[in-house]
Amino acid sequence: MQQVIYLFIGTTEIMFILFIVVMVFGADKIPEIARGLGKGMRMMKDASNDIKSEITKSAEKNGIDTSVSKDVQDELKKVKDELEDFTGSVRRKL
């Protein structure tokens, strides 16, 4: 399941930002900028995954119980699913 981050900006604001980007950088530079942003985001994700795996490895090596974080993640997922079920029923009623 892919996580979605909701920014509190609307369609009008997004269109305005895109307009400013086109005006500043030009239409021919946008694909290059997007490619660079994508590579940067991928590098950040890979780096954070490497850090997580190193922390987990070192915790397991030192005998630290890492199942607590797994339990917390499972509980958070349950709460998120219940909240989505609740908001889905509210949306259907509206």
PDB file of N, CA and C in Angstrom:
ATOM      1  N   MET A   1       0.841  -1.177   0.000  1.00  0.00           N
ATOM      2  CA  MET A   1       0.000   0.000   0.000  1.00  0.00           C
ATOM      3  C   MET A   1       0.883   1.236   0.000  1.00  0.00           C
ATOM      4  N   GLN A   2       0.629   2.118  -0.895  1.00  0.00           N
ATOM      5  CA  GLN A   2       1.437   3.303  -1.032  1.00  0.00           C
ATOM      6  C   GLN A   2       0.873   4.410  -0.162  1.00  0.00           C
ATOM      7  N   GLN A   3       1.782   5.096   0.523  1.00  0.00           N
ATOM      8  CA  GLN A   3       1.343   6.184   1.379  1.00  0.00           C
ATOM      9  C   GLN A   3       1.165   7.439   0.551  1.00  0.00           C
ATOM     10  N   VAL A   4       0.153   8.195   0.887  1.00  0.00           N
ATOM     11  CA  VAL A   4      -0.129   9.442   0.183  1.00  0.00           C
ATOM     12  C   VAL A   4       0.003  10.574   1.185  1.00  0.00           C
ATOM     13  N   ILE A   5       0.756  11.575   0.809  1.00  0.00           N
ATOM     14  CA  ILE A   5       0.927  12.742   1.672  1.00  0.00           C
ATOM     15  C   ILE A   5       0.001  13.826   1.143  1.00  0.00           C
ATOM     16  N   TYR A   6      -0.875  14.312   2.011  1.00  0.00           N
ATOM     17  CA  TYR A   6      -1.808  15.359   1.622  1.00  0.00           C
ATOM     18  C   TYR A   6      -1.236  16.710   2.021  1.00  0.00           C
ATOM     19  N   LEU A   7      -1.004  17.540   1.043  1.00  0.00           N
ATOM     20  CA  LEU A   7      -0.601  18.907   1.312  1.00  0.00           C
ATOM     21  C   LEU A   7      -1.857  19.753   1.316  1.00  0.00           C
ATOM     22  N   PHE A   8      -1.866  20.737   2.142  1.00  0.00           N
ATOM     23  CA  PHE A   8      -3.052  21.562   2.266  1.00  0.00           C
ATOM     24  C   PHE A   8      -3.013  22.702   1.261  1.00  0.00           C
ATOM     25  N   ILE A   9      -2.872  22.318  -0.024  1.00  0.00           N
ATOM     26  CA  ILE A   9      -2.940  23.300  -1.084  1.00  0.00           C
ATOM     27  C   ILE A   9      -3.934  22.791  -2.114  1.00  0.00           C
ATOM     28  N   GLY A  10      -4.611  23.700  -2.725  1.00  0.00           N
ATOM     29  CA  GLY A  10      -5.645  23.334  -3.678  1.00  0.00           C
ATOM     30  C   GLY A  10      -5.142  23.371  -5.108  1.00  0.00           C
ATOM     31  N   THR A  11      -6.052  23.109  -6.020  1.00  0.00           N
ATOM     32  CA  THR A  11      -5.724  23.068  -7.437  1.00  0.00           C
ATOM     33  C   THR A  11      -5.258  24.432  -7.928  1.00  0.00           C
ATOM     34  N   THR A  12      -5.875  25.472  -7.457  1.00  0.00           N
ATOM     35  CA  THR A  12      -5.497  26.816  -7.876  1.00  0.00           C
ATOM     36  C   THR A  12      -4.053  27.121  -7.495  1.00  0.00           C
ATOM     37  N   GLU A  13      -3.676  26.767  -6.279  1.00  0.00           N
ATOM     38  CA  GLU A  13      -2.310  27.019  -5.831  1.00  0.00           C
ATOM     39  C   GLU A  13      -1.307  26.207  -6.635  1.00  0.00           C
ATOM     40  N   ILE A  14      -1.646  24.958  -6.938  1.00  0.00           N
ATOM     41  CA  ILE A  14      -0.752  24.112  -7.733  1.00  0.00           C
ATOM     42  C   ILE A  14      -0.568  24.700  -9.125  1.00  0.00           C
ATOM     43  N   MET A  15      -1.657  25.136  -9.736  1.00  0.00           N
ATOM     44  CA  MET A  15      -1.577  25.734 -11.069  1.00  0.00           C
ATOM     45  C   MET A  15      -0.729  27.015 -11.047  1.00  0.00           C
ATOM     46  N   PHE A  16      -0.874  27.811  -9.997  1.00  0.00           N
ATOM     47  CA  PHE A  16      -0.087  29.032  -9.867  1.00  0.00           C
ATOM     48  C   PHE A  16       1.399  28.708  -9.734  1.00  0.00           C
ATOM     49  N   ILE A  17       1.728  27.716  -8.928  1.00  0.00           N
ATOM     50  CA  ILE A  17       3.123  27.300  -8.750  1.00  0.00           C
ATOM     51  C   ILE A  17       3.697  26.799 -10.074  1.00  0.00           C
ATOM     52  N   LEU A  18       2.936  25.983 -10.802  1.00  0.00           N
ATOM     53  CA  LEU A  18       3.399  25.493 -12.098  1.00  0.00           C
ATOM     54  C   LEU A  18       3.607  26.639 -13.081  1.00  0.00           C
ATOM     55  N   PHE A  19       2.716  27.617 -13.063  1.00  0.00           N
ATOM     56  CA  PHE A  19       2.852  28.782 -13.933  1.00  0.00           C
ATOM     57  C   PHE A  19       4.145  29.538 -13.632  1.00  0.00           C
ATOM     58  N   ILE A  20       4.425  29.738 -12.356  1.00  0.00           N
ATOM     59  CA  ILE A  20       5.647  30.440 -11.948  1.00  0.00           C
ATOM     60  C   ILE A  20       6.880  29.639 -12.375  1.00  0.00           C
ATOM     61  N   VAL A  21       6.846  28.326 -12.205  1.00  0.00           N
ATOM     62  CA  VAL A  21       7.972  27.478 -12.606  1.00  0.00           C
ATOM     63  C   VAL A  21       8.219  27.596 -14.104  1.00  0.00           C
ATOM     64  N   VAL A  22       7.167  27.545 -14.899  1.00  0.00           N
ATOM     65  CA  VAL A  22       7.316  27.677 -16.358  1.00  0.00           C
ATOM     66  C   VAL A  22       7.872  29.049 -16.708  1.00  0.00           C
ATOM     67  N   MET A  23       7.398  30.083 -16.042  1.00  0.00           N
ATOM     68  CA  MET A  23       7.873  31.433 -16.340  1.00  0.00           C
ATOM     69  C   MET A  23       9.347  31.615 -15.959  1.00  0.00           C
ATOM     70  N   VAL A  24       9.757  31.043 -14.844  1.00  0.00           N
ATOM     71  CA  VAL A  24      11.130  31.230 -14.376  1.00  0.00           C
ATOM     72  C   VAL A  24      12.114  30.366 -15.164  1.00  0.00           C
ATOM     73  N   PHE A  25      11.793  29.077 -15.312  1.00  0.00           N
ATOM     74  CA  PHE A  25      12.752  28.148 -15.906  1.00  0.00           C
ATOM     75  C   PHE A  25      12.511  27.889 -17.390  1.00  0.00           C
ATOM     76  N   GLY A  26      11.345  28.104 -17.880  1.00  0.00           N
ATOM     77  CA  GLY A  26      11.030  27.808 -19.278  1.00  0.00           C
ATOM     78  C   GLY A  26      10.553  26.376 -19.424  1.00  0.00           C
ATOM     79  N   ALA A  27       9.740  26.153 -20.448  1.00  0.00           N
ATOM     80  CA  ALA A  27       9.123  24.835 -20.641  1.00  0.00           C
ATOM     81  C   ALA A  27      10.149  23.767 -20.994  1.00  0.00           C
ATOM     82  N   ASP A  28      11.244  24.140 -21.633  1.00  0.00           N
ATOM     83  CA  ASP A  28      12.231  23.150 -22.042  1.00  0.00           C
ATOM     84  C   ASP A  28      13.066  22.623 -20.873  1.00  0.00           C
ATOM     85  N   LYS A  29      13.132  23.349 -19.776  1.00  0.00           N
ATOM     86  CA  LYS A  29      13.928  22.918 -18.610  1.00  0.00           C
ATOM     87  C   LYS A  29      13.137  22.093 -17.599  1.00  0.00           C
ATOM     88  N   ILE A  30      11.816  22.082 -17.697  1.00  0.00           N
ATOM     89  CA  ILE A  30      10.986  21.396 -16.702  1.00  0.00           C
ATOM     90  C   ILE A  30      11.273  19.894 -16.628  1.00  0.00           C
ATOM     91  N   PRO A  31      11.390  19.159 -17.755  1.00  0.00           N
ATOM     92  CA  PRO A  31      11.703  17.731 -17.637  1.00  0.00           C
ATOM     93  C   PRO A  31      13.045  17.463 -16.949  1.00  0.00           C
ATOM     94  N   GLU A  32      14.016  18.316 -17.227  1.00  0.00           N
ATOM     95  CA  GLU A  32      15.331  18.163 -16.595  1.00  0.00           C
ATOM     96  C   GLU A  32      15.238  18.407 -15.092  1.00  0.00           C
ATOM     97  N   ILE A  33      14.483  19.413 -14.703  1.00  0.00           N
ATOM     98  CA  ILE A  33      14.296  19.712 -13.278  1.00  0.00           C
ATOM     99  C   ILE A  33      13.554  18.577 -12.594  1.00  0.00           C
ATOM    100  N   ALA A  34      12.500  18.073 -13.230  1.00  0.00           N
ATOM    101  CA  ALA A  34      11.732  16.968 -12.653  1.00  0.00           C
ATOM    102  C   ALA A  34      12.608  15.724 -12.506  1.00  0.00           C
ATOM    103  N   ARG A  35      13.439  15.452 -13.493  1.00  0.00           N
ATOM    104  CA  ARG A  35      14.333  14.300 -13.425  1.00  0.00           C
ATOM    105  C   ARG A  35      15.305  14.449 -12.255  1.00  0.00           C
ATOM    106  N   GLY A  36      15.843  15.644 -12.089  1.00  0.00           N
ATOM    107  CA  GLY A  36      16.764  15.899 -10.980  1.00  0.00           C
ATOM    108  C   GLY A  36      16.081  15.753  -9.634  1.00  0.00           C
ATOM    109  N   LEU A  37      14.846  16.254  -9.519  1.00  0.00           N
ATOM    110  CA  LEU A  37      14.096  16.107  -8.268  1.00  0.00           C
ATOM    111  C   LEU A  37      13.804  14.639  -7.974  1.00  0.00           C
ATOM    112  N   GLY A  38      13.457  13.882  -9.033  1.00  0.00           N
ATOM    113  CA  GLY A  38      13.188  12.458  -8.854  1.00  0.00           C
ATOM    114  C   GLY A  38      14.411  11.708  -8.374  1.00  0.00           C
ATOM    115  N   LYS A  39      15.557  12.019  -8.965  1.00  0.00           N
ATOM    116  CA  LYS A  39      16.803  11.370  -8.537  1.00  0.00           C
ATOM    117  C   LYS A  39      17.136  11.736  -7.093  1.00  0.00           C
ATOM    118  N   GLY A  40      16.928  12.988  -6.749  1.00  0.00           N
ATOM    119  CA  GLY A  40      17.198  13.422  -5.373  1.00  0.00           C
ATOM    120  C   GLY A  40      16.297  12.735  -4.365  1.00  0.00           C
ATOM    121  N   MET A  41      15.023  12.618  -4.715  1.00  0.00           N
ATOM    122  CA  MET A  41      14.087  11.946  -3.814  1.00  0.00           C
ATOM    123  C   MET A  41      14.444  10.472  -3.673  1.00  0.00           C
ATOM    124  N   ARG A  42      14.864   9.832  -4.771  1.00  0.00           N
ATOM    125  CA  ARG A  42      15.262   8.428  -4.729  1.00  0.00           C
ATOM    126  C   ARG A  42      16.500   8.243  -3.852  1.00  0.00           C
ATOM    127  N   MET A  43      17.451   9.169  -3.969  1.00  0.00           N
ATOM    128  CA  MET A  43      18.654   9.086  -3.140  1.00  0.00           C
ATOM    129  C   MET A  43      18.313   9.240  -1.665  1.00  0.00           C
ATOM    130  N   MET A  44      17.382  10.151  -1.345  1.00  0.00           N
ATOM    131  CA  MET A  44      16.966  10.333   0.053  1.00  0.00           C
ATOM    132  C   MET A  44      16.291   9.074   0.579  1.00  0.00           C
ATOM    133  N   LYS A  45      15.434   8.468  -0.234  1.00  0.00           N
ATOM    134  CA  LYS A  45      14.739   7.255   0.183  1.00  0.00           C
ATOM    135  C   LYS A  45      15.732   6.119   0.399  1.00  0.00           C
ATOM    136  N   ASP A  46      16.672   5.958  -0.524  1.00  0.00           N
ATOM    137  CA  ASP A  46      17.678   4.909  -0.383  1.00  0.00           C
ATOM    138  C   ASP A  46      18.538   5.129   0.859  1.00  0.00           C
ATOM    139  N   ALA A  47      18.924   6.383   1.105  1.00  0.00           N
ATOM    140  CA  ALA A  47      19.741   6.694   2.274  1.00  0.00           C
ATOM    141  C   ALA A  47      18.987   6.391   3.567  1.00  0.00           C
ATOM    142  N   SER A  48      17.699   6.757   3.615  1.00  0.00           N
ATOM    143  CA  SER A  48      16.931   6.486   4.834  1.00  0.00           C
ATOM    144  C   SER A  48      16.724   4.989   5.035  1.00  0.00           C
ATOM    145  N   ASN A  49      16.537   4.242   3.942  1.00  0.00           N
ATOM    146  CA  ASN A  49      16.412   2.793   4.067  1.00  0.00           C
ATOM    147  C   ASN A  49      17.726   2.173   4.541  1.00  0.00           C
ATOM    148  N   ASP A  50      18.862   2.684   4.058  1.00  0.00           N
ATOM    149  CA  ASP A  50      20.162   2.189   4.512  1.00  0.00           C
ATOM    150  C   ASP A  50      20.360   2.459   5.998  1.00  0.00           C
ATOM    151  N   ILE A  51      19.982   3.644   6.438  1.00  0.00           N
ATOM    152  CA  ILE A  51      20.119   3.993   7.853  1.00  0.00           C
ATOM    153  C   ILE A  51      19.234   3.091   8.705  1.00  0.00           C
ATOM    154  N   LYS A  52      18.008   2.864   8.267  1.00  0.00           N
ATOM    155  CA  LYS A  52      17.097   1.987   9.009  1.00  0.00           C
ATOM    156  C   LYS A  52      17.666   0.576   9.115  1.00  0.00           C
ATOM    157  N   SER A  53      18.193   0.063   8.004  1.00  0.00           N
ATOM    158  CA  SER A  53      18.726  -1.305   8.035  1.00  0.00           C
ATOM    159  C   SER A  53      19.960  -1.393   8.921  1.00  0.00           C
ATOM    160  N   GLU A  54      20.808  -0.374   8.914  1.00  0.00           N
ATOM    161  CA  GLU A  54      21.991  -0.379   9.775  1.00  0.00           C
ATOM    162  C   GLU A  54      21.597  -0.328  11.249  1.00  0.00           C
ATOM    163  N   ILE A  55      20.608   0.480  11.568  1.00  0.00           N
ATOM    164  CA  ILE A  55      20.141   0.562  12.955  1.00  0.00           C
ATOM    165  C   ILE A  55      19.562  -0.779  13.384  1.00  0.00           C
ATOM    166  N   THR A  56      18.763  -1.392  12.518  1.00  0.00           N
ATOM    167  CA  THR A  56      18.171  -2.693  12.842  1.00  0.00           C
ATOM    168  C   THR A  56      19.242  -3.750  13.018  1.00  0.00           C
ATOM    169  N   LYS A  57      20.225  -3.773  12.124  1.00  0.00           N
ATOM    170  CA  LYS A  57      21.307  -4.757  12.227  1.00  0.00           C
ATOM    171  C   LYS A  57      22.087  -4.585  13.516  1.00  0.00           C
ATOM    172  N   SER A  58      22.407  -3.337  13.847  1.00  0.00           N
ATOM    173  CA  SER A  58      23.186  -3.113  15.056  1.00  0.00           C
ATOM    174  C   SER A  58      22.364  -3.407  16.304  1.00  0.00           C
ATOM    175  N   ALA A  59      21.070  -3.148  16.264  1.00  0.00           N
ATOM    176  CA  ALA A  59      20.212  -3.476  17.404  1.00  0.00           C
ATOM    177  C   ALA A  59      20.129  -4.978  17.593  1.00  0.00           C
ATOM    178  N   GLU A  60      19.974  -5.722  16.504  1.00  0.00           N
ATOM    179  CA  GLU A  60      19.913  -7.178  16.606  1.00  0.00           C
ATOM    180  C   GLU A  60      21.254  -7.748  17.055  1.00  0.00           C
ATOM    181  N   LYS A  61      22.338  -7.159  16.596  1.00  0.00           N
ATOM    182  CA  LYS A  61      23.676  -7.614  16.975  1.00  0.00           C
ATOM    183  C   LYS A  61      23.911  -7.427  18.471  1.00  0.00           C
ATOM    184  N   ASN A  62      23.374  -6.351  19.027  1.00  0.00           N
ATOM    185  CA  ASN A  62      23.554  -6.062  20.452  1.00  0.00           C
ATOM    186  C   ASN A  62      22.453  -6.660  21.316  1.00  0.00           C
ATOM    187  N   GLY A  63      21.558  -7.421  20.710  1.00  0.00           N
ATOM    188  CA  GLY A  63      20.517  -8.100  21.465  1.00  0.00           C
ATOM    189  C   GLY A  63      19.353  -7.224  21.868  1.00  0.00           C
ATOM    190  N   ILE A  64      19.169  -6.128  21.193  1.00  0.00           N
ATOM    191  CA  ILE A  64      18.050  -5.233  21.501  1.00  0.00           C
ATOM    192  C   ILE A  64      16.826  -5.732  20.760  1.00  0.00           C
ATOM    193  N   ASP A  65      15.703  -5.797  21.449  1.00  0.00           N
ATOM    194  CA  ASP A  65      14.462  -6.299  20.863  1.00  0.00           C
ATOM    195  C   ASP A  65      13.887  -5.253  19.915  1.00  0.00           C
ATOM    196  N   THR A  66      13.797  -5.592  18.636  1.00  0.00           N
ATOM    197  CA  THR A  66      13.255  -4.667  17.638  1.00  0.00           C
ATOM    198  C   THR A  66      11.794  -4.956  17.314  1.00  0.00           C
ATOM    199  N   SER A  67      11.213  -5.936  17.959  1.00  0.00           N
ATOM    200  CA  SER A  67       9.821  -6.275  17.673  1.00  0.00           C
ATOM    201  C   SER A  67       8.850  -5.212  18.183  1.00  0.00           C
ATOM    202  N   VAL A  68       9.299  -4.379  19.117  1.00  0.00           N
ATOM    203  CA  VAL A  68       8.434  -3.327  19.649  1.00  0.00           C
ATOM    204  C   VAL A  68       8.048  -2.366  18.528  1.00  0.00           C
ATOM    205  N   SER A  69       8.997  -1.974  17.718  1.00  0.00           N
ATOM    206  CA  SER A  69       8.679  -1.051  16.634  1.00  0.00           C
ATOM    207  C   SER A  69       7.735  -1.701  15.630  1.00  0.00           C
ATOM    208  N   LYS A  70       7.898  -2.987  15.407  1.00  0.00           N
ATOM    209  CA  LYS A  70       6.996  -3.717  14.498  1.00  0.00           C
ATOM    210  C   LYS A  70       5.581  -3.720  15.066  1.00  0.00           C
ATOM    211  N   ASP A  71       5.460  -3.948  16.381  1.00  0.00           N
ATOM    212  CA  ASP A  71       4.145  -3.930  17.016  1.00  0.00           C
ATOM    213  C   ASP A  71       3.490  -2.551  16.908  1.00  0.00           C
ATOM    214  N   VAL A  72       4.274  -1.513  17.101  1.00  0.00           N
ATOM    215  CA  VAL A  72       3.744  -0.152  17.012  1.00  0.00           C
ATOM    216  C   VAL A  72       3.270   0.130  15.584  1.00  0.00           C
ATOM    217  N   GLN A  73       4.062  -0.287  14.592  1.00  0.00           N
ATOM    218  CA  GLN A  73       3.665  -0.087  13.201  1.00  0.00           C
ATOM    219  C   GLN A  73       2.381  -0.840  12.881  1.00  0.00           C
ATOM    220  N   ASP A  74       2.239  -2.065  13.396  1.00  0.00           N
ATOM    221  CA  ASP A  74       1.019  -2.838  13.166  1.00  0.00           C
ATOM    222  C   ASP A  74      -0.200  -2.144  13.781  1.00  0.00           C
ATOM    223  N   GLU A  75      -0.043  -1.628  14.996  1.00  0.00           N
ATOM    224  CA  GLU A  75      -1.146  -0.925  15.652  1.00  0.00           C
ATOM    225  C   GLU A  75      -1.514   0.352  14.899  1.00  0.00           C
ATOM    226  N   LEU A  76      -0.508   1.084  14.432  1.00  0.00           N
ATOM    227  CA  LEU A  76      -0.782   2.293  13.663  1.00  0.00           C
ATOM    228  C   LEU A  76      -1.516   1.965  12.372  1.00  0.00           C
ATOM    229  N   LYS A  77      -1.141   0.864  11.740  1.00  0.00           N
ATOM    230  CA  LYS A  77      -1.818   0.447  10.506  1.00  0.00           C
ATOM    231  C   LYS A  77      -3.275   0.098  10.789  1.00  0.00           C
ATOM    232  N   LYS A  78      -3.537  -0.578  11.923  1.00  0.00           N
ATOM    233  CA  LYS A  78      -4.915  -0.921  12.285  1.00  0.00           C
ATOM    234  C   LYS A  78      -5.749   0.345  12.492  1.00  0.00           C
ATOM    235  N   VAL A  79      -5.175   1.310  13.215  1.00  0.00           N
ATOM    236  CA  VAL A  79      -5.896   2.563  13.472  1.00  0.00           C
ATOM    237  C   VAL A  79      -6.160   3.291  12.159  1.00  0.00           C
ATOM    238  N   LYS A  80      -5.167   3.316  11.283  1.00  0.00           N
ATOM    239  CA  LYS A  80      -5.332   3.978   9.991  1.00  0.00           C
ATOM    240  C   LYS A  80      -6.433   3.310   9.178  1.00  0.00           C
ATOM    241  N   ASP A  81      -6.449   1.976   9.158  1.00  0.00           N
ATOM    242  CA  ASP A  81      -7.490   1.262   8.416  1.00  0.00           C
ATOM    243  C   ASP A  81      -8.875   1.538   8.985  1.00  0.00           C
ATOM    244  N   GLU A  82      -8.990   1.550  10.321  1.00  0.00           N
ATOM    245  CA  GLU A  82     -10.274   1.840  10.950  1.00  0.00           C
ATOM    246  C   GLU A  82     -10.722   3.268  10.639  1.00  0.00           C
ATOM    247  N   LEU A  83      -9.777   4.197  10.640  1.00  0.00           N
ATOM    248  CA  LEU A  83     -10.108   5.583  10.332  1.00  0.00           C
ATOM    249  C   LEU A  83     -10.556   5.712   8.888  1.00  0.00           C
ATOM    250  N   GLU A  84      -9.892   5.014   7.981  1.00  0.00           N
ATOM    251  CA  GLU A  84     -10.298   5.055   6.574  1.00  0.00           C
ATOM    252  C   GLU A  84     -11.679   4.431   6.386  1.00  0.00           C
ATOM    253  N   ASP A  85     -11.955   3.353   7.124  1.00  0.00           N
ATOM    254  CA  ASP A  85     -13.291   2.760   7.049  1.00  0.00           C
ATOM    255  C   ASP A  85     -14.351   3.742   7.537  1.00  0.00           C
ATOM    256  N   PHE A  86     -14.055   4.427   8.636  1.00  0.00           N
ATOM    257  CA  PHE A  86     -15.002   5.389   9.193  1.00  0.00           C
ATOM    258  C   PHE A  86     -15.208   6.562   8.248  1.00  0.00           C
ATOM    259  N   THR A  87     -14.123   7.136   7.744  1.00  0.00           N
ATOM    260  CA  THR A  87     -14.265   8.290   6.850  1.00  0.00           C
ATOM    261  C   THR A  87     -14.908   7.875   5.532  1.00  0.00           C
ATOM    262  N   GLY A  88     -14.689   6.644   5.115  1.00  0.00           N
ATOM    263  CA  GLY A  88     -15.342   6.168   3.890  1.00  0.00           C
ATOM    264  C   GLY A  88     -16.843   6.116   4.059  1.00  0.00           C
ATOM    265  N   SER A  89     -17.323   5.657   5.227  1.00  0.00           N
ATOM    266  CA  SER A  89     -18.759   5.609   5.436  1.00  0.00           C
ATOM    267  C   SER A  89     -19.348   7.009   5.567  1.00  0.00           C
ATOM    268  N   VAL A  90     -18.586   7.942   6.134  1.00  0.00           N
ATOM    269  CA  VAL A  90     -19.054   9.319   6.245  1.00  0.00           C
ATOM    270  C   VAL A  90     -19.131   9.944   4.846  1.00  0.00           C
ATOM    271  N   ARG A  91     -18.136   9.679   4.017  1.00  0.00           N
ATOM    272  CA  ARG A  91     -18.142  10.223   2.665  1.00  0.00           C
ATOM    273  C   ARG A  91     -19.312   9.697   1.864  1.00  0.00           C
ATOM    274  N   ARG A  92     -19.618   8.404   2.032  1.00  0.00           N
ATOM    275  CA  ARG A  92     -20.730   7.824   1.290  1.00  0.00           C
ATOM    276  C   ARG A  92     -22.054   8.452   1.690  1.00  0.00           C
ATOM    277  N   LYS A  93     -22.199   8.815   2.979  1.00  0.00           N
ATOM    278  CA  LYS A  93     -23.445   9.421   3.445  1.00  0.00           C
ATOM    279  C   LYS A  93     -23.603  10.835   2.917  1.00  0.00           C
ATOM    280  N   LEU A  94     -22.487  11.517   2.707  1.00  0.00           N
ATOM    281  CA  LEU A  94     -22.573  12.894   2.201  1.00  0.00           C
ATOM    282  C   LEU A  94     -22.868  12.833   0.739  1.00  0.00           C
TER     283      LEU A  94
END
